[in-house]
Amino acid sequence: MESLDRAGGPLTDNRGRQCMRDIVEFVPFARDMMLGNLSEDVLRKVPTEFCTYMEKVGYIPKPLG
């Protein structure tokens, strides 16, 4: 699984093209399961990941109202 995380350097595909983002986001599974907050830790990361993706693809939200 460490090969899916960009911490060791940029990810590349089989043609040598560099990936734009990590494929996975790691959380301390054993610790969070023991403390009973695995879903909290995972869901805490969703807004940042979503916003980062939308900025990357150039999405500009429409104003409300």
PDB file of N, CA and C in Angstrom:
ATOM      1  N   MET A   1       0.811  -1.199   0.000  1.00  0.00           N
ATOM      2  CA  MET A   1       0.000   0.000   0.000  1.00  0.00           C
ATOM      3  C   MET A   1       0.857   1.267   0.000  1.00  0.00           C
ATOM      4  N   GLU A   2       2.068   1.165   0.547  1.00  0.00           N
ATOM      5  CA  GLU A   2       2.931   2.335   0.555  1.00  0.00           C
ATOM      6  C   GLU A   2       3.236   2.817  -0.859  1.00  0.00           C
ATOM      7  N   SER A   3       3.197   1.900  -1.834  1.00  0.00           N
ATOM      8  CA  SER A   3       3.485   2.302  -3.212  1.00  0.00           C
ATOM      9  C   SER A   3       2.398   3.204  -3.789  1.00  0.00           C
ATOM     10  N   LEU A   4       1.231   3.270  -3.139  1.00  0.00           N
ATOM     11  CA  LEU A   4       0.158   4.134  -3.607  1.00  0.00           C
ATOM     12  C   LEU A   4       0.223   5.532  -3.006  1.00  0.00           C
ATOM     13  N   ASP A   5       1.069   5.710  -2.008  1.00  0.00           N
ATOM     14  CA  ASP A   5       1.181   6.995  -1.336  1.00  0.00           C
ATOM     15  C   ASP A   5       2.344   7.780  -1.919  1.00  0.00           C
ATOM     16  N   ARG A   6       2.157   9.064  -2.156  1.00  0.00           N
ATOM     17  CA  ARG A   6       3.159   9.898  -2.801  1.00  0.00           C
ATOM     18  C   ARG A   6       4.272  10.341  -1.852  1.00  0.00           C
ATOM     19  N   ALA A   7       4.210   9.968  -0.583  1.00  0.00           N
ATOM     20  CA  ALA A   7       5.196  10.439   0.395  1.00  0.00           C
ATOM     21  C   ALA A   7       6.628  10.087  -0.011  1.00  0.00           C
ATOM     22  N   GLY A   8       6.834   8.986  -0.728  1.00  0.00           N
ATOM     23  CA  GLY A   8       8.171   8.591  -1.128  1.00  0.00           C
ATOM     24  C   GLY A   8       8.625   9.210  -2.433  1.00  0.00           C
ATOM     25  N   GLY A   9       7.863  10.110  -3.008  1.00  0.00           N
ATOM     26  CA  GLY A   9       8.192  10.733  -4.287  1.00  0.00           C
ATOM     27  C   GLY A   9       6.984  10.680  -5.199  1.00  0.00           C
ATOM     28  N   PRO A  10       7.064  11.286  -6.353  1.00  0.00           N
ATOM     29  CA  PRO A  10       5.905  11.329  -7.252  1.00  0.00           C
ATOM     30  C   PRO A  10       5.531   9.943  -7.788  1.00  0.00           C
ATOM     31  N   LEU A  11       4.232   9.698  -7.889  1.00  0.00           N
ATOM     32  CA  LEU A  11       3.751   8.461  -8.484  1.00  0.00           C
ATOM     33  C   LEU A  11       3.826   8.569  -9.997  1.00  0.00           C
ATOM     34  N   THR A  12       4.128   7.466 -10.650  1.00  0.00           N
ATOM     35  CA  THR A  12       4.136   7.436 -12.106  1.00  0.00           C
ATOM     36  C   THR A  12       3.375   6.217 -12.591  1.00  0.00           C
ATOM     37  N   ASP A  13       2.809   6.315 -13.797  1.00  0.00           N
ATOM     38  CA  ASP A  13       2.132   5.168 -14.380  1.00  0.00           C
ATOM     39  C   ASP A  13       3.149   4.305 -15.124  1.00  0.00           C
ATOM     40  N   ASN A  14       2.663   3.255 -15.789  1.00  0.00           N
ATOM     41  CA  ASN A  14       3.586   2.336 -16.457  1.00  0.00           C
ATOM     42  C   ASN A  14       4.292   2.962 -17.662  1.00  0.00           C
ATOM     43  N   ARG A  15       3.855   4.143 -18.094  1.00  0.00           N
ATOM     44  CA  ARG A  15       4.521   4.863 -19.186  1.00  0.00           C
ATOM     45  C   ARG A  15       5.449   5.950 -18.677  1.00  0.00           C
ATOM     46  N   GLY A  16       5.562   6.084 -17.346  1.00  0.00           N
ATOM     47  CA  GLY A  16       6.427   7.084 -16.754  1.00  0.00           C
ATOM     48  C   GLY A  16       5.798   8.447 -16.567  1.00  0.00           C
ATOM     49  N   ARG A  17       4.494   8.571 -16.850  1.00  0.00           N
ATOM     50  CA  ARG A  17       3.809   9.855 -16.666  1.00  0.00           C
ATOM     51  C   ARG A  17       3.522  10.074 -15.185  1.00  0.00           C
ATOM     52  N   GLN A  18       3.793  11.280 -14.710  1.00  0.00           N
ATOM     53  CA  GLN A  18       3.602  11.591 -13.307  1.00  0.00           C
ATOM     54  C   GLN A  18       2.133  11.825 -12.990  1.00  0.00           C
ATOM     55  N   CYS A  19       1.669  11.246 -11.881  1.00  0.00           N
ATOM     56  CA  CYS A  19       0.286  11.419 -11.428  1.00  0.00           C
ATOM     57  C   CYS A  19       0.133  12.779 -10.766  1.00  0.00           C
ATOM     58  N   MET A  20      -1.046  13.344 -10.896  1.00  0.00           N
ATOM     59  CA  MET A  20      -1.323  14.660 -10.320  1.00  0.00           C
ATOM     60  C   MET A  20      -1.591  14.598  -8.821  1.00  0.00           C
ATOM     61  N   ARG A  21      -2.193  13.494  -8.337  1.00  0.00           N
ATOM     62  CA  ARG A  21      -2.598  13.391  -6.935  1.00  0.00           C
ATOM     63  C   ARG A  21      -2.333  11.988  -6.417  1.00  0.00           C
ATOM     64  N   ASP A  22      -2.343  11.861  -5.095  1.00  0.00           N
ATOM     65  CA  ASP A  22      -2.287  10.542  -4.475  1.00  0.00           C
ATOM     66  C   ASP A  22      -3.544   9.765  -4.847  1.00  0.00           C
ATOM     67  N   ILE A  23      -3.424   8.454  -4.854  1.00  0.00           N
ATOM     68  CA  ILE A  23      -4.577   7.604  -5.111  1.00  0.00           C
ATOM     69  C   ILE A  23      -5.337   7.350  -3.818  1.00  0.00           C
ATOM     70  N   VAL A  24      -4.642   7.286  -2.728  1.00  0.00           N
ATOM     71  CA  VAL A  24      -5.256   6.958  -1.441  1.00  0.00           C
ATOM     72  C   VAL A  24      -4.826   7.968  -0.384  1.00  0.00           C
ATOM     73  N   GLU A  25      -5.563   7.998   0.685  1.00  0.00           N
ATOM     74  CA  GLU A  25      -5.226   8.809   1.846  1.00  0.00           C
ATOM     75  C   GLU A  25      -5.171   7.859   3.028  1.00  0.00           C
ATOM     76  N   PHE A  26      -4.011   7.770   3.667  1.00  0.00           N
ATOM     77  CA  PHE A  26      -3.848   6.841   4.769  1.00  0.00           C
ATOM     78  C   PHE A  26      -4.291   7.463   6.079  1.00  0.00           C
ATOM     79  N   VAL A  27      -4.917   6.655   6.916  1.00  0.00           N
ATOM     80  CA  VAL A  27      -5.264   7.038   8.280  1.00  0.00           C
ATOM     81  C   VAL A  27      -4.739   5.938   9.200  1.00  0.00           C
ATOM     82  N   PRO A  28      -4.452   6.275  10.444  1.00  0.00           N
ATOM     83  CA  PRO A  28      -3.956   5.263  11.381  1.00  0.00           C
ATOM     84  C   PRO A  28      -5.084   4.303  11.785  1.00  0.00           C
ATOM     85  N   PHE A  29      -5.295   3.265  10.978  1.00  0.00           N
ATOM     86  CA  PHE A  29      -6.431   2.367  11.120  1.00  0.00           C
ATOM     87  C   PHE A  29      -6.515   1.719  12.501  1.00  0.00           C
ATOM     88  N   ALA A  30      -5.454   1.077  12.943  1.00  0.00           N
ATOM     89  CA  ALA A  30      -5.502   0.345  14.217  1.00  0.00           C
ATOM     90  C   ALA A  30      -5.810   1.290  15.376  1.00  0.00           C
ATOM     91  N   ARG A  31      -5.147   2.444  15.400  1.00  0.00           N
ATOM     92  CA  ARG A  31      -5.388   3.407  16.487  1.00  0.00           C
ATOM     93  C   ARG A  31      -6.826   3.907  16.466  1.00  0.00           C
ATOM     94  N   ASP A  32      -7.312   4.282  15.270  1.00  0.00           N
ATOM     95  CA  ASP A  32      -8.664   4.815  15.170  1.00  0.00           C
ATOM     96  C   ASP A  32      -9.721   3.765  15.479  1.00  0.00           C
ATOM     97  N   MET A  33      -9.472   2.518  15.108  1.00  0.00           N
ATOM     98  CA  MET A  33     -10.420   1.452  15.446  1.00  0.00           C
ATOM     99  C   MET A  33     -10.466   1.256  16.961  1.00  0.00           C
ATOM    100  N   MET A  34      -9.321   1.287  17.601  1.00  0.00           N
ATOM    101  CA  MET A  34      -9.263   1.106  19.045  1.00  0.00           C
ATOM    102  C   MET A  34      -9.986   2.257  19.758  1.00  0.00           C
ATOM    103  N   LEU A  35      -9.823   3.472  19.248  1.00  0.00           N
ATOM    104  CA  LEU A  35     -10.466   4.637  19.854  1.00  0.00           C
ATOM    105  C   LEU A  35     -11.915   4.800  19.409  1.00  0.00           C
ATOM    106  N   GLY A  36     -12.317   4.062  18.378  1.00  0.00           N
ATOM    107  CA  GLY A  36     -13.694   4.136  17.892  1.00  0.00           C
ATOM    108  C   GLY A  36     -13.989   5.353  17.045  1.00  0.00           C
ATOM    109  N   ASN A  37     -12.972   5.956  16.418  1.00  0.00           N
ATOM    110  CA  ASN A  37     -13.223   7.158  15.621  1.00  0.00           C
ATOM    111  C   ASN A  37     -12.671   7.050  14.200  1.00  0.00           C
ATOM    112  N   LEU A  38     -12.686   5.849  13.637  1.00  0.00           N
ATOM    113  CA  LEU A  38     -12.178   5.676  12.271  1.00  0.00           C
ATOM    114  C   LEU A  38     -12.966   6.526  11.285  1.00  0.00           C
ATOM    115  N   SER A  39     -14.294   6.464  11.346  1.00  0.00           N
ATOM    116  CA  SER A  39     -15.098   7.236  10.388  1.00  0.00           C
ATOM    117  C   SER A  39     -14.883   8.735  10.569  1.00  0.00           C
ATOM    118  N   GLU A  40     -14.720   9.190  11.798  1.00  0.00           N
ATOM    119  CA  GLU A  40     -14.474  10.611  12.047  1.00  0.00           C
ATOM    120  C   GLU A  40     -13.162  11.060  11.399  1.00  0.00           C
ATOM    121  N   ASP A  41     -12.127  10.259  11.547  1.00  0.00           N
ATOM    122  CA  ASP A  41     -10.823  10.607  10.984  1.00  0.00           C
ATOM    123  C   ASP A  41     -10.870  10.617   9.457  1.00  0.00           C
ATOM    124  N   VAL A  42     -11.536   9.629   8.878  1.00  0.00           N
ATOM    125  CA  VAL A  42     -11.649   9.558   7.418  1.00  0.00           C
ATOM    126  C   VAL A  42     -12.488  10.722   6.887  1.00  0.00           C
ATOM    127  N   LEU A  43     -13.654  10.948   7.491  1.00  0.00           N
ATOM    128  CA  LEU A  43     -14.554  11.998   7.001  1.00  0.00           C
ATOM    129  C   LEU A  43     -13.988  13.395   7.211  1.00  0.00           C
ATOM    130  N   ARG A  44     -13.103  13.581   8.163  1.00  0.00           N
ATOM    131  CA  ARG A  44     -12.484  14.888   8.389  1.00  0.00           C
ATOM    132  C   ARG A  44     -11.662  15.305   7.165  1.00  0.00           C
ATOM    133  N   LYS A  45     -11.162  14.359   6.408  1.00  0.00           N
ATOM    134  CA  LYS A  45     -10.302  14.646   5.256  1.00  0.00           C
ATOM    135  C   LYS A  45     -11.084  14.909   3.967  1.00  0.00           C
ATOM    136  N   VAL A  46     -12.359  14.551   3.931  1.00  0.00           N
ATOM    137  CA  VAL A  46     -13.147  14.643   2.697  1.00  0.00           C
ATOM    138  C   VAL A  46     -13.274  16.075   2.173  1.00  0.00           C
ATOM    139  N   PRO A  47     -13.637  17.073   2.983  1.00  0.00           N
ATOM    140  CA  PRO A  47     -13.791  18.425   2.421  1.00  0.00           C
ATOM    141  C   PRO A  47     -12.525  18.957   1.749  1.00  0.00           C
ATOM    142  N   THR A  48     -11.380  18.734   2.370  1.00  0.00           N
ATOM    143  CA  THR A  48     -10.120  19.208   1.789  1.00  0.00           C
ATOM    144  C   THR A  48      -9.823  18.487   0.489  1.00  0.00           C
ATOM    145  N   GLU A  49     -10.009  17.170   0.470  1.00  0.00           N
ATOM    146  CA  GLU A  49      -9.756  16.399  -0.749  1.00  0.00           C
ATOM    147  C   GLU A  49     -10.689  16.849  -1.873  1.00  0.00           C
ATOM    148  N   PHE A  50     -11.955  17.067  -1.546  1.00  0.00           N
ATOM    149  CA  PHE A  50     -12.941  17.500  -2.546  1.00  0.00           C
ATOM    150  C   PHE A  50     -12.582  18.875  -3.109  1.00  0.00           C
ATOM    151  N   CYS A  51     -12.279  19.817  -2.235  1.00  0.00           N
ATOM    152  CA  CYS A  51     -11.938  21.175  -2.693  1.00  0.00           C
ATOM    153  C   CYS A  51     -10.664  21.180  -3.525  1.00  0.00           C
ATOM    154  N   THR A  52      -9.679  20.392  -3.117  1.00  0.00           N
ATOM    155  CA  THR A  52      -8.439  20.299  -3.873  1.00  0.00           C
ATOM    156  C   THR A  52      -8.702  19.768  -5.274  1.00  0.00           C
ATOM    157  N   TYR A  53      -9.545  18.751  -5.381  1.00  0.00           N
ATOM    158  CA  TYR A  53      -9.877  18.183  -6.687  1.00  0.00           C
ATOM    159  C   TYR A  53     -10.594  19.220  -7.559  1.00  0.00           C
ATOM    160  N   MET A  54     -11.594  19.899  -6.995  1.00  0.00           N
ATOM    161  CA  MET A  54     -12.362  20.873  -7.776  1.00  0.00           C
ATOM    162  C   MET A  54     -11.470  22.022  -8.263  1.00  0.00           C
ATOM    163  N   GLU A  55     -10.530  22.463  -7.440  1.00  0.00           N
ATOM    164  CA  GLU A  55      -9.596  23.500  -7.872  1.00  0.00           C
ATOM    165  C   GLU A  55      -8.710  22.977  -9.001  1.00  0.00           C
ATOM    166  N   LYS A  56      -8.288  21.721  -8.886  1.00  0.00           N
ATOM    167  CA  LYS A  56      -7.398  21.122  -9.888  1.00  0.00           C
ATOM    168  C   LYS A  56      -8.068  21.045 -11.262  1.00  0.00           C
ATOM    169  N   VAL A  57      -9.368  20.737 -11.281  1.00  0.00           N
ATOM    170  CA  VAL A  57     -10.070  20.613 -12.563  1.00  0.00           C
ATOM    171  C   VAL A  57     -10.638  21.955 -13.044  1.00  0.00           C
ATOM    172  N   GLY A  58     -10.422  23.030 -12.260  1.00  0.00           N
ATOM    173  CA  GLY A  58     -10.835  24.350 -12.688  1.00  0.00           C
ATOM    174  C   GLY A  58     -12.302  24.674 -12.477  1.00  0.00           C
ATOM    175  N   TYR A  59     -12.962  23.971 -11.560  1.00  0.00           N
ATOM    176  CA  TYR A  59     -14.378  24.233 -11.299  1.00  0.00           C
ATOM    177  C   TYR A  59     -14.521  25.530 -10.521  1.00  0.00           C
ATOM    178  N   ILE A  60     -15.385  26.398 -11.006  1.00  0.00           N
ATOM    179  CA  ILE A  60     -15.692  27.641 -10.319  1.00  0.00           C
ATOM    180  C   ILE A  60     -17.169  27.601  -9.944  1.00  0.00           C
ATOM    181  N   PRO A  61     -17.478  27.601  -8.640  1.00  0.00           N
ATOM    182  CA  PRO A  61     -18.886  27.505  -8.228  1.00  0.00           C
ATOM    183  C   PRO A  61     -19.669  28.749  -8.606  1.00  0.00           C
ATOM    184  N   LYS A  62     -20.941  28.543  -8.885  1.00  0.00           N
ATOM    185  CA  LYS A  62     -21.830  29.648  -9.187  1.00  0.00           C
ATOM    186  C   LYS A  62     -22.264  30.308  -7.887  1.00  0.00           C
ATOM    187  N   PRO A  63     -22.417  31.639  -7.888  1.00  0.00           N
ATOM    188  CA  PRO A  63     -22.868  32.320  -6.667  1.00  0.00           C
ATOM    189  C   PRO A  63     -24.263  31.861  -6.272  1.00  0.00           C
ATOM    190  N   LEU A  64     -24.515  31.799  -4.977  1.00  0.00           N
ATOM    191  CA  LEU A  64     -25.855  31.465  -4.485  1.00  0.00           C
ATOM    192  C   LEU A  64     -26.768  32.651  -4.630  1.00  0.00           C
ATOM    193  N   GLY A  65     -28.018  32.360  -4.927  1.00  0.00           N
ATOM    194  CA  GLY A  65     -29.016  33.418  -4.961  1.00  0.00           C
ATOM    195  C   GLY A  65     -29.313  34.027  -6.263  1.00  0.00           C
TER     196      GLY A  65
END
